[in-house]
N, C-alpha and C. Protein backbone atom coordinates (compact mmCIF):
# COMPACT_ATOMS: atom_id res chain seq x y z
N MET A 1 7.40 -1.33 -53.66
CA MET A 1 8.25 -1.65 -52.45
C MET A 1 8.24 -3.24 -52.26
N ASP A 2 9.56 -3.71 -52.29
CA ASP A 2 9.77 -5.17 -51.98
C ASP A 2 9.99 -5.29 -50.60
N PRO A 3 9.30 -6.28 -50.25
CA PRO A 3 9.20 -6.74 -48.71
C PRO A 3 10.72 -7.22 -48.36
N GLU A 4 11.27 -6.68 -47.17
CA GLU A 4 12.51 -7.11 -46.75
C GLU A 4 12.36 -8.30 -45.63
N PRO A 5 13.36 -9.12 -45.56
CA PRO A 5 13.28 -10.19 -44.42
C PRO A 5 13.41 -9.28 -43.04
N LEU A 6 12.74 -10.05 -41.90
CA LEU A 6 12.91 -9.51 -40.61
C LEU A 6 14.45 -9.51 -40.26
N THR A 7 14.77 -8.65 -39.50
CA THR A 7 16.17 -8.55 -38.97
C THR A 7 16.15 -9.06 -37.48
N ASN A 8 17.25 -9.31 -36.74
CA ASN A 8 17.30 -9.53 -35.50
C ASN A 8 16.69 -8.39 -34.70
N ALA A 9 16.85 -7.14 -34.93
CA ALA A 9 16.26 -5.95 -34.41
C ALA A 9 14.69 -6.06 -34.41
N ASN A 10 14.20 -6.34 -35.45
CA ASN A 10 12.60 -6.42 -35.81
C ASN A 10 12.27 -7.60 -34.97
N TRP A 11 12.81 -8.74 -34.83
CA TRP A 11 12.42 -9.86 -34.13
C TRP A 11 12.40 -9.58 -32.46
N SER A 12 13.53 -8.81 -32.14
CA SER A 12 13.53 -8.34 -30.77
C SER A 12 12.40 -7.32 -30.43
N GLN A 13 12.07 -6.54 -31.23
CA GLN A 13 11.02 -5.56 -30.99
C GLN A 13 9.51 -6.41 -30.80
N ILE A 14 9.36 -7.19 -31.68
CA ILE A 14 8.22 -8.06 -31.78
C ILE A 14 7.94 -8.93 -30.54
N THR A 15 9.24 -9.49 -30.20
CA THR A 15 9.24 -10.31 -28.95
C THR A 15 8.99 -9.45 -27.73
N GLU A 16 9.57 -8.24 -27.59
CA GLU A 16 9.24 -7.39 -26.51
C GLU A 16 7.87 -6.93 -26.49
N ALA A 17 7.24 -6.76 -27.58
CA ALA A 17 6.02 -6.25 -27.74
C ALA A 17 4.93 -7.47 -27.28
N ILE A 18 5.27 -8.56 -27.65
CA ILE A 18 4.39 -9.66 -27.18
C ILE A 18 4.67 -9.84 -25.69
N GLY A 19 5.80 -9.76 -25.24
CA GLY A 19 5.92 -9.79 -23.58
C GLY A 19 4.90 -8.64 -22.89
N PHE A 20 4.93 -7.55 -23.56
CA PHE A 20 4.13 -6.52 -22.81
C PHE A 20 2.75 -6.82 -23.02
N LEU A 21 2.32 -7.36 -24.04
CA LEU A 21 1.00 -7.96 -24.26
C LEU A 21 0.56 -8.85 -23.25
N TRP A 22 1.47 -9.95 -22.89
CA TRP A 22 1.16 -10.92 -21.92
C TRP A 22 1.05 -10.32 -20.49
N LEU A 23 1.97 -9.14 -20.33
CA LEU A 23 1.98 -8.47 -18.97
C LEU A 23 0.64 -7.92 -18.83
N PHE A 24 0.10 -7.10 -19.88
CA PHE A 24 -1.27 -6.52 -19.91
C PHE A 24 -2.15 -7.51 -19.42
N LEU A 25 -2.20 -8.74 -20.06
CA LEU A 25 -3.24 -9.73 -19.92
C LEU A 25 -3.11 -10.29 -18.39
N GLY A 26 -1.98 -10.36 -18.00
CA GLY A 26 -1.72 -10.97 -16.48
C GLY A 26 -2.06 -9.88 -15.61
N SER A 27 -1.75 -8.68 -15.56
CA SER A 27 -2.04 -7.60 -14.59
C SER A 27 -3.51 -7.24 -14.81
N GLY A 28 -4.17 -7.49 -15.87
CA GLY A 28 -5.54 -7.19 -16.02
C GLY A 28 -6.37 -8.33 -15.32
N THR A 29 -5.99 -9.47 -15.40
CA THR A 29 -6.49 -10.49 -14.63
C THR A 29 -6.25 -10.33 -13.22
N ALA A 30 -5.21 -10.00 -12.74
CA ALA A 30 -4.82 -9.62 -11.18
C ALA A 30 -5.83 -8.64 -10.79
N PHE A 31 -6.03 -7.56 -11.62
CA PHE A 31 -6.91 -6.31 -11.21
C PHE A 31 -8.25 -6.87 -11.10
N LEU A 32 -8.81 -7.80 -12.04
CA LEU A 32 -10.18 -8.13 -11.82
C LEU A 32 -10.41 -8.99 -10.68
N GLY A 33 -9.44 -9.98 -10.50
CA GLY A 33 -9.42 -10.73 -9.46
C GLY A 33 -9.41 -10.17 -7.96
N ALA A 34 -8.59 -9.07 -7.76
CA ALA A 34 -8.53 -8.45 -6.63
C ALA A 34 -9.78 -7.55 -6.36
N ILE A 35 -10.53 -6.92 -7.36
CA ILE A 35 -11.50 -6.18 -7.32
C ILE A 35 -12.76 -7.19 -6.90
N LEU A 36 -12.91 -8.33 -7.76
CA LEU A 36 -13.96 -9.20 -7.55
C LEU A 36 -13.88 -9.73 -6.02
N LEU A 37 -12.76 -9.98 -5.52
CA LEU A 37 -12.68 -10.46 -4.22
C LEU A 37 -12.98 -9.42 -3.15
N ALA A 38 -12.58 -8.14 -3.39
CA ALA A 38 -12.80 -7.14 -2.37
C ALA A 38 -14.24 -6.61 -2.45
N GLN A 39 -14.85 -6.63 -3.69
CA GLN A 39 -16.13 -6.05 -3.73
C GLN A 39 -17.32 -7.11 -3.60
N ALA A 40 -17.04 -8.32 -3.93
CA ALA A 40 -18.23 -9.25 -4.00
C ALA A 40 -18.08 -10.35 -3.13
N ILE A 41 -16.86 -11.14 -3.14
CA ILE A 41 -16.74 -12.26 -2.45
C ILE A 41 -16.74 -12.12 -1.02
N LEU A 42 -15.64 -11.29 -0.50
CA LEU A 42 -15.62 -11.06 0.94
C LEU A 42 -16.77 -10.52 1.59
N PRO A 43 -17.41 -9.51 1.05
CA PRO A 43 -18.60 -9.10 1.72
C PRO A 43 -19.82 -10.21 1.75
N SER A 44 -19.77 -10.90 0.79
CA SER A 44 -20.85 -12.04 0.72
C SER A 44 -20.62 -13.05 1.70
N LEU A 45 -19.29 -13.46 1.99
CA LEU A 45 -18.89 -14.50 2.77
C LEU A 45 -19.20 -13.84 4.43
N VAL A 46 -18.96 -12.66 4.66
CA VAL A 46 -19.29 -12.19 5.91
C VAL A 46 -20.68 -12.15 6.23
N ILE A 47 -21.50 -11.59 5.25
CA ILE A 47 -22.96 -11.61 5.38
C ILE A 47 -23.63 -12.82 5.59
N SER A 48 -23.12 -13.77 4.76
CA SER A 48 -23.79 -15.21 5.09
C SER A 48 -23.24 -15.86 6.16
N GLY A 49 -22.23 -15.23 6.93
CA GLY A 49 -21.72 -16.11 8.22
C GLY A 49 -20.64 -17.06 7.97
N HIS A 50 -20.06 -17.20 6.78
CA HIS A 50 -19.13 -18.15 6.54
C HIS A 50 -17.74 -17.77 7.04
N THR A 51 -17.67 -16.69 7.30
CA THR A 51 -16.38 -16.02 7.82
C THR A 51 -16.63 -14.93 8.74
N SER A 52 -15.65 -14.69 9.53
CA SER A 52 -15.77 -13.60 10.55
C SER A 52 -15.66 -12.00 9.90
N LYS A 53 -16.04 -11.03 10.68
CA LYS A 53 -15.96 -9.66 10.16
C LYS A 53 -14.48 -9.15 10.15
N ARG A 54 -13.55 -9.82 10.84
CA ARG A 54 -12.14 -9.48 10.60
C ARG A 54 -11.61 -9.69 9.14
N THR A 55 -12.34 -10.46 8.49
CA THR A 55 -11.94 -10.84 7.14
C THR A 55 -11.90 -9.62 6.24
N LEU A 56 -12.91 -8.57 6.68
CA LEU A 56 -13.04 -7.39 5.88
C LEU A 56 -11.83 -6.47 6.00
N LYS A 57 -11.08 -6.72 6.93
CA LYS A 57 -9.68 -5.85 7.24
C LYS A 57 -8.82 -6.15 6.07
N VAL A 58 -9.05 -7.15 5.18
CA VAL A 58 -8.13 -7.54 4.03
C VAL A 58 -8.53 -6.45 2.93
N ARG A 59 -9.62 -5.88 2.87
CA ARG A 59 -10.27 -5.27 1.75
C ARG A 59 -9.32 -4.08 1.35
N PRO A 60 -8.68 -3.22 2.26
CA PRO A 60 -7.94 -2.07 1.73
C PRO A 60 -6.70 -2.66 1.00
N TRP A 61 -6.09 -3.74 1.47
CA TRP A 61 -4.92 -4.31 0.87
C TRP A 61 -5.33 -4.90 -0.61
N LEU A 62 -6.62 -5.37 -0.69
CA LEU A 62 -6.90 -6.03 -2.09
C LEU A 62 -7.05 -4.61 -2.97
N TYR A 63 -7.57 -3.53 -2.42
CA TYR A 63 -7.75 -2.41 -3.11
C TYR A 63 -6.41 -1.77 -3.69
N LEU A 64 -5.43 -1.77 -2.66
CA LEU A 64 -4.14 -1.40 -3.13
C LEU A 64 -3.39 -2.36 -4.18
N ALA A 65 -3.68 -3.65 -4.06
CA ALA A 65 -3.15 -4.65 -5.11
C ALA A 65 -3.90 -4.27 -6.30
N SER A 66 -5.08 -3.93 -6.41
CA SER A 66 -5.88 -3.73 -7.51
C SER A 66 -5.38 -2.55 -8.39
N LEU A 67 -5.02 -1.42 -7.51
CA LEU A 67 -4.48 -0.20 -8.03
C LEU A 67 -3.27 -0.58 -8.67
N VAL A 68 -2.24 -1.24 -8.06
CA VAL A 68 -1.01 -1.54 -8.56
C VAL A 68 -1.23 -2.39 -9.98
N ALA A 69 -2.13 -3.21 -9.89
CA ALA A 69 -2.33 -4.21 -11.15
C ALA A 69 -2.75 -3.29 -12.10
N LEU A 70 -3.65 -2.50 -12.00
CA LEU A 70 -4.36 -1.50 -12.97
C LEU A 70 -3.24 -0.65 -13.52
N THR A 71 -2.40 -0.10 -12.61
CA THR A 71 -1.37 0.76 -13.15
C THR A 71 -0.41 0.01 -14.02
N MET A 72 -0.05 -1.24 -13.55
CA MET A 72 0.76 -2.09 -14.49
C MET A 72 0.16 -2.32 -15.85
N ALA A 73 -1.10 -2.74 -15.74
CA ALA A 73 -1.75 -3.02 -17.14
C ALA A 73 -1.71 -1.65 -17.94
N GLY A 74 -2.09 -0.58 -17.37
CA GLY A 74 -2.01 0.60 -18.23
C GLY A 74 -0.71 1.01 -18.89
N LEU A 75 0.38 0.84 -17.98
CA LEU A 75 1.66 0.91 -18.58
C LEU A 75 2.27 0.09 -19.56
N ALA A 76 1.75 -1.32 -19.48
CA ALA A 76 2.01 -2.42 -20.28
C ALA A 76 1.27 -2.24 -21.61
N LEU A 77 0.14 -1.66 -21.57
CA LEU A 77 -0.70 -1.32 -22.85
C LEU A 77 0.00 -0.24 -23.58
N VAL A 78 0.37 0.79 -22.89
CA VAL A 78 0.99 1.86 -23.42
C VAL A 78 2.35 1.53 -24.03
N ARG A 79 3.02 0.78 -23.52
CA ARG A 79 4.35 0.24 -24.03
C ARG A 79 4.23 -0.68 -25.13
N PHE A 80 3.15 -1.48 -25.09
CA PHE A 80 2.91 -2.55 -26.27
C PHE A 80 2.55 -1.57 -27.38
N ILE A 81 1.71 -0.60 -27.25
CA ILE A 81 1.20 0.32 -28.48
C ILE A 81 2.36 0.88 -29.05
N ASP A 82 3.17 1.43 -28.16
CA ASP A 82 4.42 2.19 -28.64
C ASP A 82 5.30 1.17 -29.53
N LEU A 83 5.53 -0.20 -29.02
CA LEU A 83 6.38 -0.97 -29.80
C LEU A 83 5.71 -1.36 -30.96
N ALA A 84 4.29 -1.59 -31.02
CA ALA A 84 3.71 -1.88 -32.35
C ALA A 84 3.74 -0.89 -33.28
N ILE A 85 3.66 0.50 -32.86
CA ILE A 85 3.84 1.62 -33.83
C ILE A 85 5.24 1.53 -34.44
N GLN A 86 6.17 1.14 -33.49
CA GLN A 86 7.73 1.11 -34.06
C GLN A 86 7.81 0.07 -35.00
N VAL A 87 7.10 -1.06 -34.86
CA VAL A 87 7.25 -2.22 -35.82
C VAL A 87 6.60 -1.73 -37.10
N LEU A 88 5.25 -1.20 -36.86
CA LEU A 88 4.56 -0.88 -38.08
C LEU A 88 5.27 0.21 -38.83
N ASP A 89 6.09 1.07 -38.22
CA ASP A 89 6.67 2.05 -39.09
C ASP A 89 7.89 1.43 -39.99
N SER A 90 8.31 0.34 -39.47
CA SER A 90 9.32 -0.33 -40.27
C SER A 90 8.69 -1.08 -41.53
N TYR A 91 7.48 -1.39 -41.41
CA TYR A 91 6.62 -2.01 -42.55
C TYR A 91 5.50 -1.03 -42.76
N PRO A 92 5.40 -0.10 -43.64
CA PRO A 92 4.28 0.71 -43.66
C PRO A 92 3.13 -0.01 -44.41
N ARG A 93 3.24 -0.92 -45.12
CA ARG A 93 1.95 -1.73 -45.56
C ARG A 93 1.86 -2.97 -44.93
N PHE A 94 0.71 -3.00 -44.22
CA PHE A 94 0.51 -4.27 -43.41
C PHE A 94 0.37 -5.47 -44.29
N TRP A 95 -0.54 -5.30 -45.26
CA TRP A 95 -0.87 -6.58 -46.16
C TRP A 95 -0.08 -6.35 -47.38
N ILE A 96 0.98 -7.08 -47.51
CA ILE A 96 1.85 -6.98 -48.74
C ILE A 96 1.49 -8.18 -49.65
């Protein structure tokens, strides 16, 4: 099997896959940041007295944001894997 050069369609799939990989990274980071803020930082600030108890009213919104970010991360990962499989189907031998 002779290797064929990449076509515009192949480059388009690779570019889209890399975009979803970046989306996965960004939404995973947003998820971790929201959970860390809701579970560790805000309660610690309230217990130590650096902020008022009213600050804890933000926690449900942070949980919602983390749920949205986790959903986005999952969808981006599934889409990335789907595109990676399509690219690998075009080239059955990875190491040529």
